[in-house]
Amino acid sequence: MVWTLRDAEGGLDLCDAPRRGMVLDYPNIRTGWEYGTGRPGEAPERVWNADPAVYEPPPDSEGWKRCFSVPVALDRTTSATWSQANLAARSALDDLRRVIETEPDHGDALPVIKMTGTRKLSTAGGATVIPVFTIVKWVDPPPCLAAVADHGDGDDVDDSPAPARTATSRATRPQSAPAPEPEPAPEDDPYETEADWQDEATQPAPRRNRGAAPAEPPVSEKLRQHFEGRKATQAARKAPAAQPTQTPVRRKTAPKPPATDDPF
């Protein structure tokens, strides 16, 4: 059974607090009816009972399910709200209620519960798996529970499967502005025959006498040689320098303290 923690923005993360142990603030439990469409991002509608021990009639429409909401402390500083509407969670909470009713008076202390197994419950549609919780001990209420005692916008603990993540679209690259169109030719001179033309000055061919200096290469050849020289220089600069080899030194580390599974 997988437990998840949903934050106020709708994000999901795995939660192992029910298996490690969490404080159940059962005096602040609420029960009622829940109606949800099942569409992602749409919060269900809930109607709470005046007395948590007595279920009032459901609203005048189909699709409403029994639900509950109870604050829990995942550790000494982290609180959440356990809120669900499925049969498995409600049966697990009913089992805990029966055990708490047989306990002696613990004053203001709250139970630390831990999921220790599962059991099967036969229904008309087949069978469902019910988580089994055990009361480990009783502790004073952690201060973090004051933040969710009013069932505000805390994180929700849920044992339902996490929905698939949706992909986000990438931003498109902005397009550059089109190049300006050339100015049209004058209407009275469409072929521009009356424009001011200047003949290009030509250079004489190089002399090839014996002993003379070699002819200068064309401009395109000089540019090619220039850019090839620049590429070779840039490649030499980008080449990684040789790193000296080092022999790893084994260092002694202090032994770690033994881990504990009790957050309280």
C-alpha atoms as a PDB file:
ATOM      1  CA  MET A   1       0.000   0.000   0.000  1.00  0.00           C
ATOM      2  CA  VAL A   2       1.469   3.334  -1.121  1.00  0.00           C
ATOM      3  CA  TRP A   3       0.855   6.523   0.867  1.00  0.00           C
ATOM      4  CA  THR A   4       1.254   9.952  -0.743  1.00  0.00           C
ATOM      5  CA  LEU A   5       1.424  13.501   0.587  1.00  0.00           C
ATOM      6  CA  ARG A   6      -0.337  16.241  -1.409  1.00  0.00           C
ATOM      7  CA  ASP A   7       0.750  19.847  -0.819  1.00  0.00           C
ATOM      8  CA  ALA A   8      -1.379  22.991  -1.161  1.00  0.00           C
ATOM      9  CA  GLU A   9      -0.339  23.407  -4.823  1.00  0.00           C
ATOM     10  CA  GLY A  10      -1.459  19.848  -5.728  1.00  0.00           C
ATOM     11  CA  GLY A  11       2.024  18.312  -5.876  1.00  0.00           C
ATOM     12  CA  LEU A  12       2.421  14.698  -4.742  1.00  0.00           C
ATOM     13  CA  ASP A  13       5.235  12.984  -2.878  1.00  0.00           C
ATOM     14  CA  LEU A  14       5.632   9.573  -1.256  1.00  0.00           C
ATOM     15  CA  CYS A  15       4.999   9.526   2.490  1.00  0.00           C
ATOM     16  CA  ASP A  16       6.323   6.853   4.869  1.00  0.00           C
ATOM     17  CA  ALA A  17       4.968   8.449   8.068  1.00  0.00           C
ATOM     18  CA  PRO A  18       2.090   5.915   8.452  1.00  0.00           C
ATOM     19  CA  ARG A  19       4.683   3.109   8.514  1.00  0.00           C
ATOM     20  CA  ARG A  20       7.150   4.989  10.788  1.00  0.00           C
ATOM     21  CA  GLY A  21       4.500   6.370  13.106  1.00  0.00           C
ATOM     22  CA  MET A  22       2.384   9.517  13.274  1.00  0.00           C
ATOM     23  CA  VAL A  23       0.353  11.302  15.945  1.00  0.00           C
ATOM     24  CA  LEU A  24      -3.422  11.085  15.420  1.00  0.00           C
ATOM     25  CA  ASP A  25      -5.334  14.158  16.646  1.00  0.00           C
ATOM     26  CA  TYR A  26      -8.565  12.212  17.005  1.00  0.00           C
ATOM     27  CA  PRO A  27     -10.406  14.819  19.197  1.00  0.00           C
ATOM     28  CA  ASN A  28     -10.427  17.114  16.124  1.00  0.00           C
ATOM     29  CA  ILE A  29     -11.773  14.536  13.675  1.00  0.00           C
ATOM     30  CA  ARG A  30     -14.583  15.493  11.310  1.00  0.00           C
ATOM     31  CA  THR A  31     -16.902  13.226   9.322  1.00  0.00           C
ATOM     32  CA  GLY A  32     -19.285  14.011   6.499  1.00  0.00           C
ATOM     33  CA  TRP A  33     -20.017  13.559   2.802  1.00  0.00           C
ATOM     34  CA  GLU A  34     -17.765  14.178  -0.187  1.00  0.00           C
ATOM     35  CA  TYR A  35     -18.562  14.648  -3.861  1.00  0.00           C
ATOM     36  CA  GLY A  36     -15.774  14.689  -6.430  1.00  0.00           C
ATOM     37  CA  THR A  37     -15.712  14.665 -10.213  1.00  0.00           C
ATOM     38  CA  GLY A  38     -12.319  12.948 -10.396  1.00  0.00           C
ATOM     39  CA  ARG A  39     -10.965  15.579 -12.786  1.00  0.00           C
ATOM     40  CA  PRO A  40      -7.350  16.625 -12.071  1.00  0.00           C
ATOM     41  CA  GLY A  41      -7.000  19.978 -10.340  1.00  0.00           C
ATOM     42  CA  GLU A  42     -10.662  20.110  -9.227  1.00  0.00           C
ATOM     43  CA  ALA A  43     -11.124  19.902  -5.442  1.00  0.00           C
ATOM     44  CA  PRO A  44     -14.002  17.761  -4.138  1.00  0.00           C
ATOM     45  CA  GLU A  45     -16.989  19.279  -2.363  1.00  0.00           C
ATOM     46  CA  ARG A  46     -17.483  18.288   1.295  1.00  0.00           C
ATOM     47  CA  VAL A  47     -20.390  18.658   3.732  1.00  0.00           C
ATOM     48  CA  TRP A  48     -19.503  17.990   7.391  1.00  0.00           C
ATOM     49  CA  ASN A  49     -21.668  16.452  10.127  1.00  0.00           C
ATOM     50  CA  ALA A  50     -22.509  18.485  13.207  1.00  0.00           C
ATOM     51  CA  ASP A  51     -21.523  15.483  15.364  1.00  0.00           C
ATOM     52  CA  PRO A  52     -18.599  13.348  14.048  1.00  0.00           C
ATOM     53  CA  ALA A  53     -20.184  10.239  15.572  1.00  0.00           C
ATOM     54  CA  VAL A  54     -23.516  10.693  13.730  1.00  0.00           C
ATOM     55  CA  TYR A  55     -23.813  10.749   9.916  1.00  0.00           C
ATOM     56  CA  GLU A  56     -26.494  13.093   8.663  1.00  0.00           C
ATOM     57  CA  PRO A  57     -28.452  12.319   5.451  1.00  0.00           C
ATOM     58  CA  PRO A  58     -26.450  12.932   2.266  1.00  0.00           C
ATOM     59  CA  PRO A  59     -27.283  15.878  -0.016  1.00  0.00           C
ATOM     60  CA  ASP A  60     -30.083  15.451  -2.554  1.00  0.00           C
ATOM     61  CA  SER A  61     -27.932  14.101  -5.399  1.00  0.00           C
ATOM     62  CA  GLU A  62     -26.074  10.942  -6.355  1.00  0.00           C
ATOM     63  CA  GLY A  63     -22.343  10.368  -6.155  1.00  0.00           C
ATOM     64  CA  TRP A  64     -21.772  11.467  -2.540  1.00  0.00           C
ATOM     65  CA  LYS A  65     -19.455   9.304  -0.378  1.00  0.00           C
ATOM     66  CA  ARG A  66     -18.794   9.159   3.338  1.00  0.00           C
ATOM     67  CA  CYS A  67     -15.531  10.921   4.219  1.00  0.00           C
ATOM     68  CA  PHE A  68     -13.434  12.003   7.183  1.00  0.00           C
ATOM     69  CA  SER A  69     -10.697  14.542   7.955  1.00  0.00           C
ATOM     70  CA  VAL A  70      -8.319  14.378  10.919  1.00  0.00           C
ATOM     71  CA  PRO A  71      -5.078  16.286  11.689  1.00  0.00           C
ATOM     72  CA  VAL A  72      -1.899  14.204  12.046  1.00  0.00           C
ATOM     73  CA  ALA A  73       1.709  15.005  12.983  1.00  0.00           C
ATOM     74  CA  LEU A  74       4.255  13.326  10.710  1.00  0.00           C
ATOM     75  CA  ASP A  75       7.044  14.269  13.135  1.00  0.00           C
ATOM     76  CA  ARG A  76       7.612  16.872  15.854  1.00  0.00           C
ATOM     77  CA  THR A  77       7.597  19.795  13.394  1.00  0.00           C
ATOM     78  CA  THR A  78       5.549  18.598  10.383  1.00  0.00           C
ATOM     79  CA  SER A  79       1.755  18.394  10.353  1.00  0.00           C
ATOM     80  CA  ALA A  80      -0.751  17.288   7.728  1.00  0.00           C
ATOM     81  CA  THR A  81      -4.418  16.380   7.311  1.00  0.00           C
ATOM     82  CA  TRP A  82      -5.502  12.794   6.730  1.00  0.00           C
ATOM     83  CA  SER A  83      -8.599  13.224   4.566  1.00  0.00           C
ATOM     84  CA  GLN A  84     -10.199  10.423   2.521  1.00  0.00           C
ATOM     85  CA  ALA A  85     -13.518   9.070   1.316  1.00  0.00           C
ATOM     86  CA  ASN A  86     -12.828   5.418   0.477  1.00  0.00           C
ATOM     87  CA  LEU A  87     -14.009   2.347   2.367  1.00  0.00           C
ATOM     88  CA  ALA A  88     -10.520   1.103   3.254  1.00  0.00           C
ATOM     89  CA  ALA A  89      -9.460   4.303   5.049  1.00  0.00           C
ATOM     90  CA  ARG A  90     -12.801   4.698   6.853  1.00  0.00           C
ATOM     91  CA  SER A  91     -12.663   1.074   8.062  1.00  0.00           C
ATOM     92  CA  ALA A  92      -9.098   1.558   9.331  1.00  0.00           C
ATOM     93  CA  LEU A  93     -10.177   4.649  11.262  1.00  0.00           C
ATOM     94  CA  ASP A  94     -13.194   2.814  12.719  1.00  0.00           C
ATOM     95  CA  ASP A  95     -10.856   0.065  13.961  1.00  0.00           C
ATOM     96  CA  LEU A  96      -8.685   2.701  15.660  1.00  0.00           C
ATOM     97  CA  ARG A  97     -11.719   4.343  17.252  1.00  0.00           C
ATOM     98  CA  ARG A  98     -12.779   1.055  18.844  1.00  0.00           C
ATOM     99  CA  VAL A  99      -9.288   0.529  20.291  1.00  0.00           C
ATOM    100  CA  ILE A 100      -9.119   4.117  21.620  1.00  0.00           C
ATOM    101  CA  GLU A 101     -12.475   3.705  23.350  1.00  0.00           C
ATOM    102  CA  THR A 102     -11.105   0.744  25.342  1.00  0.00           C
ATOM    103  CA  GLU A 103      -7.981   2.667  26.461  1.00  0.00           C
ATOM    104  CA  PRO A 104      -7.786   4.291  29.899  1.00  0.00           C
ATOM    105  CA  ASP A 105      -7.959   8.061  30.200  1.00  0.00           C
ATOM    106  CA  HIS A 106      -4.678   9.629  28.971  1.00  0.00           C
ATOM    107  CA  GLY A 107      -5.665  13.244  29.582  1.00  0.00           C
ATOM    108  CA  ASP A 108      -4.553  15.530  26.750  1.00  0.00           C
ATOM    109  CA  ALA A 109      -2.111  12.974  25.332  1.00  0.00           C
ATOM    110  CA  LEU A 110      -2.574  11.738  21.752  1.00  0.00           C
ATOM    111  CA  PRO A 111      -1.844   8.278  20.306  1.00  0.00           C
ATOM    112  CA  VAL A 112       1.127   7.540  18.071  1.00  0.00           C
ATOM    113  CA  ILE A 113      -0.182   5.083  15.475  1.00  0.00           C
ATOM    114  CA  LYS A 114       1.811   2.903  13.089  1.00  0.00           C
ATOM    115  CA  MET A 115       0.644   0.761  10.176  1.00  0.00           C
ATOM    116  CA  THR A 116       1.632  -2.804  11.065  1.00  0.00           C
ATOM    117  CA  GLY A 117      -0.224  -4.824   8.431  1.00  0.00           C
ATOM    118  CA  THR A 118      -3.373  -5.224   6.355  1.00  0.00           C
ATOM    119  CA  ARG A 119      -6.570  -7.252   6.385  1.00  0.00           C
ATOM    120  CA  LYS A 120      -9.144  -8.109   3.737  1.00  0.00           C
ATOM    121  CA  LEU A 121     -12.755  -7.025   3.893  1.00  0.00           C
ATOM    122  CA  SER A 122     -15.357  -8.809   1.766  1.00  0.00           C
ATOM    123  CA  THR A 123     -17.849  -6.537   0.021  1.00  0.00           C
ATOM    124  CA  ALA A 124     -20.649  -6.945  -2.478  1.00  0.00           C
ATOM    125  CA  GLY A 125     -18.245  -6.050  -5.285  1.00  0.00           C
ATOM    126  CA  GLY A 126     -15.454  -8.364  -4.127  1.00  0.00           C
ATOM    127  CA  ALA A 127     -12.834  -7.603  -1.471  1.00  0.00           C
ATOM    128  CA  THR A 128     -10.788  -4.611  -0.374  1.00  0.00           C
ATOM    129  CA  VAL A 129      -7.556  -4.312   1.602  1.00  0.00           C
ATOM    130  CA  ILE A 130      -7.806  -2.471   4.946  1.00  0.00           C
ATOM    131  CA  PRO A 131      -4.663  -1.033   6.591  1.00  0.00           C
ATOM    132  CA  VAL A 132      -4.188  -2.139  10.203  1.00  0.00           C
ATOM    133  CA  PHE A 133      -2.850   0.460  12.664  1.00  0.00           C
ATOM    134  CA  THR A 134      -1.421  -0.175  16.110  1.00  0.00           C
ATOM    135  CA  ILE A 135      -1.159   2.350  18.945  1.00  0.00           C
ATOM    136  CA  VAL A 136       2.549   2.490  19.833  1.00  0.00           C
ATOM    137  CA  LYS A 137       2.380   5.005  22.703  1.00  0.00           C
ATOM    138  CA  TRP A 138       0.752   8.212  23.916  1.00  0.00           C
ATOM    139  CA  VAL A 139       2.536  11.581  23.719  1.00  0.00           C
ATOM    140  CA  ASP A 140       1.802  15.237  24.397  1.00  0.00           C
ATOM    141  CA  PRO A 141       0.316  17.049  21.369  1.00  0.00           C
ATOM    142  CA  PRO A 142       3.149  18.370  19.142  1.00  0.00           C
ATOM    143  CA  PRO A 143       2.991  22.164  18.615  1.00  0.00           C
ATOM    144  CA  CYS A 144       2.777  21.681  14.841  1.00  0.00           C
ATOM    145  CA  LEU A 145      -0.774  20.319  15.188  1.00  0.00           C
ATOM    146  CA  ALA A 146      -2.038  23.789  16.079  1.00  0.00           C
ATOM    147  CA  ALA A 147      -1.562  24.783  12.408  1.00  0.00           C
ATOM    148  CA  VAL A 148      -4.097  22.206  11.163  1.00  0.00           C
ATOM    149  CA  ALA A 149      -6.412  21.941  14.141  1.00  0.00           C
ATOM    150  CA  ASP A 150      -8.930  24.025  12.219  1.00  0.00           C
ATOM    151  CA  HIS A 151      -8.547  21.761   9.141  1.00  0.00           C
ATOM    152  CA  GLY A 152      -6.977  24.582   7.153  1.00  0.00           C
ATOM    153  CA  ASP A 153      -4.912  24.443   3.965  1.00  0.00           C
ATOM    154  CA  GLY A 154      -2.383  21.880   5.152  1.00  0.00           C
ATOM    155  CA  ASP A 155      -0.898  18.947   3.290  1.00  0.00           C
ATOM    156  CA  ASP A 156      -3.142  15.899   2.730  1.00  0.00           C
ATOM    157  CA  VAL A 157      -2.076  12.315   3.440  1.00  0.00           C
ATOM    158  CA  ASP A 158      -3.632   9.885   0.977  1.00  0.00           C
ATOM    159  CA  ASP A 159      -3.199   6.180   0.244  1.00  0.00           C
ATOM    160  CA  SER A 160      -4.728   6.493  -3.241  1.00  0.00           C
ATOM    161  CA  PRO A 161      -2.458   5.915  -6.278  1.00  0.00           C
ATOM    162  CA  ALA A 162      -0.762   9.055  -7.550  1.00  0.00           C
ATOM    163  CA  PRO A 163      -2.066  10.333 -10.928  1.00  0.00           C
ATOM    164  CA  ALA A 164       0.184  10.480 -13.971  1.00  0.00           C
ATOM    165  CA  ARG A 165       2.154  13.678 -14.400  1.00  0.00           C
ATOM    166  CA  THR A 166       1.252  15.902 -17.315  1.00  0.00           C
ATOM    167  CA  ALA A 167       3.919  17.218 -19.661  1.00  0.00           C
ATOM    168  CA  THR A 168       4.436  20.944 -19.947  1.00  0.00           C
ATOM    169  CA  SER A 169       4.740  22.603 -23.318  1.00  0.00           C
ATOM    170  CA  ARG A 170       7.924  24.424 -24.240  1.00  0.00           C
ATOM    171  CA  ALA A 171       7.951  28.094 -25.183  1.00  0.00           C
ATOM    172  CA  THR A 172       8.369  28.783 -28.882  1.00  0.00           C
ATOM    173  CA  ARG A 173      11.344  30.789 -30.083  1.00  0.00           C
ATOM    174  CA  PRO A 174      10.394  34.311 -31.243  1.00  0.00           C
ATOM    175  CA  GLN A 175      10.599  34.873 -34.973  1.00  0.00           C
ATOM    176  CA  SER A 176      12.875  37.584 -36.325  1.00  0.00           C
ATOM    177  CA  ALA A 177      11.400  40.512 -38.228  1.00  0.00           C
ATOM    178  CA  PRO A 178      11.315  40.074 -42.035  1.00  0.00           C
ATOM    179  CA  ALA A 179      13.965  41.879 -44.089  1.00  0.00           C
ATOM    180  CA  PRO A 180      12.802  45.166 -45.665  1.00  0.00           C
ATOM    181  CA  GLU A 181      11.812  44.998 -49.307  1.00  0.00           C
ATOM    182  CA  PRO A 182      14.079  46.831 -51.821  1.00  0.00           C
ATOM    183  CA  GLU A 183      12.924  50.208 -53.054  1.00  0.00           C
ATOM    184  CA  PRO A 184      11.196  50.028 -56.457  1.00  0.00           C
ATOM    185  CA  ALA A 185      12.836  51.541 -59.545  1.00  0.00           C
ATOM    186  CA  PRO A 186      11.653  54.984 -60.694  1.00  0.00           C
ATOM    187  CA  GLU A 187       8.572  54.858 -62.913  1.00  0.00           C
ATOM    188  CA  ASP A 188      10.220  57.038 -65.618  1.00  0.00           C
ATOM    189  CA  ASP A 189      13.367  54.850 -65.644  1.00  0.00           C
ATOM    190  CA  PRO A 190      12.334  51.210 -64.854  1.00  0.00           C
ATOM    191  CA  TYR A 191      15.696  49.793 -66.013  1.00  0.00           C
ATOM    192  CA  GLU A 192      17.756  52.508 -64.314  1.00  0.00           C
ATOM    193  CA  THR A 193      19.581  53.427 -67.511  1.00  0.00           C
ATOM    194  CA  GLU A 194      20.105  57.013 -66.421  1.00  0.00           C
ATOM    195  CA  ALA A 195      21.841  56.230 -63.125  1.00  0.00           C
ATOM    196  CA  ASP A 196      25.306  57.530 -62.392  1.00  0.00           C
ATOM    197  CA  TRP A 197      27.611  54.613 -63.211  1.00  0.00           C
ATOM    198  CA  GLN A 198      31.341  54.439 -62.578  1.00  0.00           C
ATOM    199  CA  ASP A 199      33.652  51.963 -64.262  1.00  0.00           C
ATOM    200  CA  GLU A 200      35.617  49.758 -61.893  1.00  0.00           C
ATOM    201  CA  ALA A 201      39.364  50.288 -62.018  1.00  0.00           C
ATOM    202  CA  THR A 202      41.214  47.158 -63.151  1.00  0.00           C
ATOM    203  CA  GLN A 203      44.677  46.056 -62.049  1.00  0.00           C
ATOM    204  CA  PRO A 204      47.280  44.735 -64.487  1.00  0.00           C
ATOM    205  CA  ALA A 205      48.160  41.061 -64.389  1.00  0.00           C
ATOM    206  CA  PRO A 206      51.176  40.209 -62.195  1.00  0.00           C
ATOM    207  CA  ARG A 207      54.530  39.779 -63.920  1.00  0.00           C
ATOM    208  CA  ARG A 208      55.987  36.257 -63.968  1.00  0.00           C
ATOM    209  CA  ASN A 209      59.650  37.050 -64.700  1.00  0.00           C
ATOM    210  CA  ARG A 210      62.290  34.662 -63.390  1.00  0.00           C
ATOM    211  CA  GLY A 211      63.530  35.729 -59.977  1.00  0.00           C
ATOM    212  CA  ALA A 212      60.548  37.991 -59.312  1.00  0.00           C
ATOM    213  CA  ALA A 213      58.414  37.656 -56.201  1.00  0.00           C
ATOM    214  CA  PRO A 214      55.580  35.132 -56.477  1.00  0.00           C
ATOM    215  CA  ALA A 215      52.198  36.476 -57.403  1.00  0.00           C
ATOM    216  CA  GLU A 216      49.914  37.434 -54.512  1.00  0.00           C
ATOM    217  CA  PRO A 217      47.044  34.914 -54.077  1.00  0.00           C
ATOM    218  CA  PRO A 218      43.495  36.036 -54.835  1.00  0.00           C
ATOM    219  CA  VAL A 219      41.466  37.664 -52.092  1.00  0.00           C
ATOM    220  CA  SER A 220      39.252  34.570 -51.571  1.00  0.00           C
ATOM    221  CA  GLU A 221      42.303  32.356 -51.045  1.00  0.00           C
ATOM    222  CA  LYS A 222      43.742  34.796 -48.495  1.00  0.00           C
ATOM    223  CA  LEU A 223      40.466  34.805 -46.585  1.00  0.00           C
ATOM    224  CA  ARG A 224      40.353  31.024 -46.579  1.00  0.00           C
ATOM    225  CA  GLN A 225      43.883  30.828 -45.154  1.00  0.00           C
ATOM    226  CA  HIS A 226      43.033  33.496 -42.572  1.00  0.00           C
ATOM    227  CA  PHE A 227      39.951  31.682 -41.260  1.00  0.00           C
ATOM    228  CA  GLU A 228      41.706  28.301 -41.219  1.00  0.00           C
ATOM    229  CA  GLY A 229      44.443  29.871 -39.099  1.00  0.00           C
ATOM    230  CA  ARG A 230      41.862  31.296 -36.674  1.00  0.00           C
ATOM    231  CA  LYS A 231      40.101  27.930 -36.372  1.00  0.00           C
ATOM    232  CA  ALA A 232      43.376  26.219 -35.559  1.00  0.00           C
ATOM    233  CA  THR A 233      44.151  28.830 -32.878  1.00  0.00           C
ATOM    234  CA  GLN A 234      40.694  28.530 -31.284  1.00  0.00           C
ATOM    235  CA  ALA A 235      40.891  24.737 -31.269  1.00  0.00           C
ATOM    236  CA  ALA A 236      44.246  24.902 -29.515  1.00  0.00           C
ATOM    237  CA  ARG A 237      42.796  27.233 -26.851  1.00  0.00           C
ATOM    238  CA  LYS A 238      39.768  24.985 -26.217  1.00  0.00           C
ATOM    239  CA  ALA A 239      41.852  21.821 -25.883  1.00  0.00           C
ATOM    240  CA  PRO A 240      41.837  20.731 -22.195  1.00  0.00           C
ATOM    241  CA  ALA A 241      45.129  20.981 -20.436  1.00  0.00           C
ATOM    242  CA  ALA A 242      46.674  17.799 -19.162  1.00  0.00           C
ATOM    243  CA  GLN A 243      45.725  17.196 -15.540  1.00  0.00           C
ATOM    244  CA  PRO A 244      48.266  15.688 -13.169  1.00  0.00           C
ATOM    245  CA  THR A 245      47.276  12.337 -11.827  1.00  0.00           C
ATOM    246  CA  GLN A 246      46.685  12.068  -8.105  1.00  0.00           C
ATOM    247  CA  THR A 247      46.678   9.027  -5.913  1.00  0.00           C
ATOM    248  CA  PRO A 248      43.458   8.827  -3.872  1.00  0.00           C
ATOM    249  CA  VAL A 249      43.996   9.062  -0.135  1.00  0.00           C
ATOM    250  CA  ARG A 250      41.782   7.002   2.120  1.00  0.00           C
ATOM    251  CA  ARG A 251      40.483   9.070   5.011  1.00  0.00           C
ATOM    252  CA  LYS A 252      39.046   7.806   8.217  1.00  0.00           C
ATOM    253  CA  THR A 253      35.459   8.834   8.903  1.00  0.00           C
ATOM    254  CA  ALA A 254      33.729   8.955  12.239  1.00  0.00           C
ATOM    255  CA  PRO A 255      31.113   6.234  12.775  1.00  0.00           C
ATOM    256  CA  LYS A 256      27.521   7.337  12.171  1.00  0.00           C
ATOM    257  CA  PRO A 257      25.092   7.273  15.112  1.00  0.00           C
ATOM    258  CA  PRO A 258      22.536   4.451  14.978  1.00  0.00           C
ATOM    259  CA  ALA A 259      19.348   5.412  13.088  1.00  0.00           C
ATOM    260  CA  THR A 260      16.037   5.466  14.889  1.00  0.00           C
ATOM    261  CA  ASP A 261      12.585   4.856  13.417  1.00  0.00           C
ATOM    262  CA  ASP A 262      10.752   6.760  16.179  1.00  0.00           C
ATOM    263  CA  PRO A 263      10.218  10.425  15.164  1.00  0.00           C
ATOM    264  CA  PHE A 264       8.618  11.164  18.547  1.00  0.00           C
END
